[in-house]
Protein backbone atom coordinates (compact mmCIF):
# COMPACT_ATOMS: atom_id res chain seq x y z
CA MET A 1 203.55 268.89 -128.41
CA LYS A 2 206.98 269.75 -127.01
CA PRO A 3 209.45 270.66 -129.80
CA GLN A 4 213.06 269.75 -129.06
CA LYS A 5 216.23 268.40 -130.63
CA GLN A 6 217.57 264.90 -130.20
CA LEU A 7 220.29 264.40 -127.63
CA LEU A 8 222.52 262.14 -129.73
CA ARG A 9 223.61 262.45 -133.33
CA HIS A 10 223.89 259.20 -135.30
CA ASN A 11 227.58 258.27 -135.49
CA PRO A 12 227.91 254.52 -134.94
CA PRO A 13 229.54 252.82 -133.21
CA THR A 14 230.40 255.86 -131.07
CA ALA A 15 226.79 256.98 -130.74
CA TYR A 16 223.41 255.93 -132.09
CA GLY A 17 220.94 258.65 -133.00
CA ASP A 18 217.89 259.00 -130.78
CA CYS A 19 215.47 260.65 -133.20
CA LEU A 20 212.81 258.02 -132.47
CA ARG A 21 212.61 258.57 -128.74
CA THR A 22 212.85 262.33 -129.26
CA ALA A 23 209.99 262.31 -131.77
CA ILE A 24 207.86 260.28 -129.36
CA ALA A 25 208.73 262.71 -126.56
CA ILE A 26 207.70 265.63 -128.77
CA VAL A 27 204.27 264.12 -129.43
CA LEU A 28 203.70 263.14 -125.79
CA ASP A 29 204.86 266.46 -124.28
CA MET A 30 207.82 264.79 -122.59
CA ASP A 31 211.56 265.39 -122.43
CA ALA A 32 213.63 263.06 -124.59
CA ALA A 33 215.78 262.22 -121.58
CA ASP A 34 212.69 260.75 -119.88
CA VAL A 35 212.06 258.32 -122.76
CA PRO A 36 214.25 255.20 -123.22
CA HIS A 37 216.68 255.24 -126.13
CA PHE A 38 215.02 252.42 -128.07
CA MET A 39 217.65 252.32 -130.82
CA ASP A 40 220.76 252.44 -128.63
CA GLY A 41 223.42 250.01 -129.76
CA ALA A 42 223.29 247.88 -132.87
CA VAL A 43 219.66 246.83 -132.33
CA SER A 44 217.43 245.92 -135.23
CA GLY A 45 214.58 248.14 -136.31
CA ASP A 46 212.12 245.47 -135.20
CA ASP A 47 213.65 245.25 -131.72
CA GLY A 48 213.64 249.02 -131.36
CA ALA A 49 210.01 249.22 -132.47
CA ALA A 50 209.07 246.47 -129.98
CA ALA A 51 210.75 248.39 -127.14
CA ALA A 52 208.93 251.58 -128.15
CA GLU A 53 205.63 249.70 -128.29
CA ALA A 54 206.17 248.33 -124.77
CA PHE A 55 206.82 251.89 -123.56
CA LEU A 56 203.60 253.10 -125.16
CA ASN A 57 201.58 250.10 -123.93
CA ALA A 58 202.57 250.90 -120.35
CA ARG A 59 200.92 254.28 -120.87
CA GLY A 60 197.73 252.91 -122.38
CA MET A 61 198.77 253.66 -125.96
CA THR A 62 199.80 251.76 -129.07
CA ALA A 63 201.61 252.62 -132.29
CA ILE A 64 199.53 252.39 -135.48
CA ASN A 65 201.79 252.15 -138.53
CA ILE A 66 200.80 252.93 -142.12
CA VAL A 67 203.18 252.53 -145.06
CA CYS A 68 202.93 254.82 -148.08
CA ASP A 69 204.48 254.20 -151.47
CA GLY A 70 207.69 256.19 -151.68
CA SER A 71 207.05 257.00 -155.33
CA ARG A 72 204.46 259.55 -154.15
CA PRO A 73 205.77 262.95 -153.09
CA LEU A 74 205.88 263.17 -149.32
CA GLN A 75 203.88 266.39 -149.38
CA ALA A 76 201.07 264.60 -151.21
CA VAL A 77 201.03 261.99 -148.44
CA LEU A 78 200.89 264.67 -145.73
CA ASP A 79 198.15 266.56 -147.57
CA SER A 80 196.09 263.39 -147.86
CA ILE A 81 196.30 262.77 -144.10
CA ALA A 82 195.43 266.39 -143.35
CA GLY A 83 192.50 266.41 -145.75
CA THR A 84 190.85 263.40 -144.17
CA ASN A 85 191.44 264.43 -140.53
CA LEU A 86 190.17 267.98 -140.41
CA ARG A 87 188.64 267.93 -136.93
CA GLU A 88 191.35 266.62 -134.61
CA MET A 89 194.48 267.11 -136.74
CA PRO A 90 196.50 264.17 -135.33
CA ILE A 91 200.20 264.58 -134.61
CA PHE A 92 202.14 261.65 -136.04
CA LEU A 93 205.63 260.45 -136.94
CA VAL A 94 207.10 260.15 -140.42
CA THR A 95 210.07 257.87 -141.01
CA GLY A 96 212.12 258.18 -144.17
CA THR A 97 215.65 258.93 -145.33
CA SER A 98 217.35 262.16 -144.25
CA ARG A 99 219.82 264.36 -146.10
CA ASN A 100 222.50 262.54 -144.14
CA GLY A 101 221.56 259.30 -145.89
CA CYS A 102 220.25 257.46 -142.83
CA ALA A 103 216.81 256.56 -141.53
CA HIS A 104 215.23 259.45 -139.68
CA VAL A 105 212.01 260.27 -137.82
CA VAL A 106 210.23 263.64 -137.86
CA VAL A 107 206.92 264.89 -136.47
CA ALA A 108 204.06 265.95 -138.74
CA CYS A 109 200.64 267.54 -138.33
CA ASN A 110 198.05 269.21 -140.54
CA GLY A 111 199.97 268.73 -143.78
CA ASP A 112 203.38 269.88 -142.53
CA ILE A 113 206.49 268.56 -140.86
CA VAL A 114 206.15 270.57 -137.66
CA CYS A 115 209.29 269.42 -135.87
CA ASP A 116 212.55 267.87 -137.07
CA PRO A 117 214.47 266.56 -134.05
CA SER A 118 217.78 266.27 -135.96
CA GLN A 119 220.54 268.52 -134.69
CA ASP A 120 221.34 269.73 -138.24
CA ASP A 121 217.75 269.86 -139.59
CA SER A 122 218.47 267.07 -142.06
CA GLY A 123 214.75 266.45 -142.60
CA ILE A 124 213.27 263.76 -144.83
CA ILE A 125 214.23 263.77 -148.52
CA GLY A 126 212.97 260.33 -149.53
CA PRO A 127 211.44 257.05 -148.38
CA CYS A 128 213.10 254.40 -146.23
CA GLU A 129 215.37 251.74 -147.76
CA ASP A 130 212.33 249.54 -148.31
CA GLY A 131 210.81 252.15 -150.62
CA TYR A 132 208.08 253.33 -148.24
CA TYR A 133 207.39 256.23 -145.96
CA TRP A 134 206.31 254.94 -142.57
CA LEU A 135 203.65 256.94 -140.77
CA THR A 136 203.12 256.21 -137.07
CA PHE A 137 199.99 257.36 -135.28
CA PHE A 138 199.24 256.92 -131.59
CA GLY A 139 196.01 255.21 -130.56
CA ALA A 140 194.40 253.90 -127.40
CA LEU A 141 195.54 250.43 -126.36
CA GLN A 142 191.94 249.75 -125.29
CA ALA A 143 190.86 250.00 -128.93
CA THR A 144 193.14 247.11 -130.01
CA ASN A 145 192.83 243.35 -129.79
CA GLY A 146 196.45 242.28 -129.29
CA LYS A 147 198.43 240.53 -126.59
CA ALA A 148 199.34 243.77 -124.81
CA LYS A 149 195.68 244.61 -124.32
CA GLU A 150 194.93 241.06 -123.16
CA ALA A 151 197.69 241.32 -120.55
CA ARG A 152 196.43 244.71 -119.41
CA ASP A 153 192.84 243.46 -119.19
CA ALA A 154 193.96 240.42 -117.20
CA LYS A 155 195.83 242.63 -114.76
CA THR A 156 192.84 244.95 -114.44
CA ALA A 157 190.53 242.00 -113.81
CA ARG A 158 192.83 240.71 -111.06
CA GLU A 159 192.96 244.12 -109.45
CA ARG A 160 189.15 244.41 -109.50
CA LEU A 161 188.80 240.96 -107.95
CA GLU A 162 191.35 241.80 -105.24
CA ALA A 163 189.47 245.02 -104.45
CA ALA A 164 186.18 243.12 -104.22
CA ALA A 165 187.78 240.64 -101.82
CA MET A 166 188.94 243.46 -99.56
CA LEU A 167 185.48 245.04 -99.58
CA LEU A 168 183.81 241.71 -98.77
CA CYS A 169 186.26 241.17 -95.93
CA GLY A 170 185.30 244.50 -94.37
CA ASP A 171 181.59 243.80 -94.85
CA LEU A 172 181.89 240.43 -93.09
CA TRP A 173 183.64 242.06 -90.16
CA ARG A 174 180.78 244.54 -89.89
CA LEU A 175 178.33 241.60 -89.88
CA GLY A 176 180.04 240.37 -86.74
CA LEU A 177 182.44 237.70 -87.99
CA ASP A 178 185.55 237.67 -85.84
CA ARG A 179 188.88 238.67 -87.28
CA GLY A 180 190.87 235.50 -87.77
CA SER A 181 187.74 233.39 -88.22
CA PHE A 182 187.81 233.40 -92.02
CA TYR A 183 189.87 234.18 -95.07
CA ILE A 184 189.06 234.84 -98.73
CA THR A 185 190.73 233.47 -101.83
CA GLN A 186 190.31 234.40 -105.48
CA GLU A 187 189.85 231.64 -108.01
CA ASP A 188 188.72 231.86 -111.66
CA GLY A 189 186.77 235.09 -111.26
CA GLU A 190 185.10 233.99 -108.01
CA LEU A 191 185.65 234.71 -104.33
CA HIS A 192 185.86 231.77 -101.94
CA VAL A 193 185.32 232.33 -98.23
CA TYR A 194 186.78 229.72 -95.86
CA ALA A 195 185.26 230.24 -92.40
CA LYS A 196 184.77 228.53 -89.06
CA ASP A 197 181.08 229.42 -89.09
CA ALA A 198 178.23 228.83 -91.53
CA ARG A 199 177.36 231.33 -94.24
CA PRO A 200 175.31 234.28 -92.90
CA GLU A 201 171.65 234.25 -93.87
CA VAL A 202 172.06 237.67 -95.44
CA MET A 203 175.28 238.07 -97.37
CA PRO A 204 176.77 241.45 -98.24
CA ALA A 205 176.39 242.52 -101.86
CA CYS A 206 179.34 241.56 -104.05
CA ALA A 207 180.06 242.09 -107.75
CA TYR A 208 181.47 238.56 -108.04
CA PRO A 209 180.12 235.09 -107.17
CA VAL A 210 180.94 234.08 -103.60
CA GLU A 211 181.38 230.45 -102.55
CA TRP A 212 181.27 229.71 -98.80
CA HIS A 213 183.24 226.85 -97.28
CA VAL A 214 183.04 225.83 -93.62
CA ALA A 215 186.50 224.68 -92.64
CA ALA A 216 189.12 224.88 -89.95
CA VAL A 217 190.80 228.24 -90.39
CA ASP A 218 194.43 229.06 -89.73
CA VAL A 219 194.81 232.61 -90.99
CA LYS A 220 198.26 233.42 -92.33
CA ALA A 221 199.81 236.61 -93.63
CA VAL A 222 197.94 238.18 -96.51
CA GLU A 223 199.22 237.07 -99.92
CA THR A 224 198.34 238.29 -103.39
CA THR A 225 195.65 235.64 -103.80
CA GLU A 226 194.38 235.51 -100.21
CA VAL A 227 192.72 238.09 -98.01
CA ALA A 228 192.93 237.28 -94.31
CA ALA A 229 190.44 238.62 -91.81
């Protein structure tokens, strides 16, 4: 955790407070200046949250939001979280209404607000306009089942397939196939070798299925989906 104060005080339209990015920076041991200002300009809360989520997703994390009835004292909410998370004591965000009468984000841990990024320590004195306190925890993207994880998994799968193609290319060279005599493409989780010669009797080991095609070969520059020998 890296305690710090926000860089901008909320004074629209001259300036839009950056308590959200500062609170995230505090939790992630970053400087607020190195985190995008998600709420800059007259953006909606949903758009700002989506931008923050994209930032977290790129770092393998996701925001997990829990709403708590604002009729409960905030301290009771914090005590409940602390009492059920005794081992790891997660650091999380609390969004509510500050003494300045606007939405504000602070950082909490182990039953206390441990850092208020506001420049005047305005704190949280009540729930948000919707009547709830919003608690935001940070979890591993890998432990979710949303579109961001699907996109990440797809990218990872492509990268693994590309690496396997490069390894197979090197193995085929070592078997004696001439450079320029074959190329490898990646299609639907398989590697396809297009070569002037027949498939070797003993193929190198590969983590993916390999289809061999005897064809005239005109090797071009390497592209993202083609490995040239």
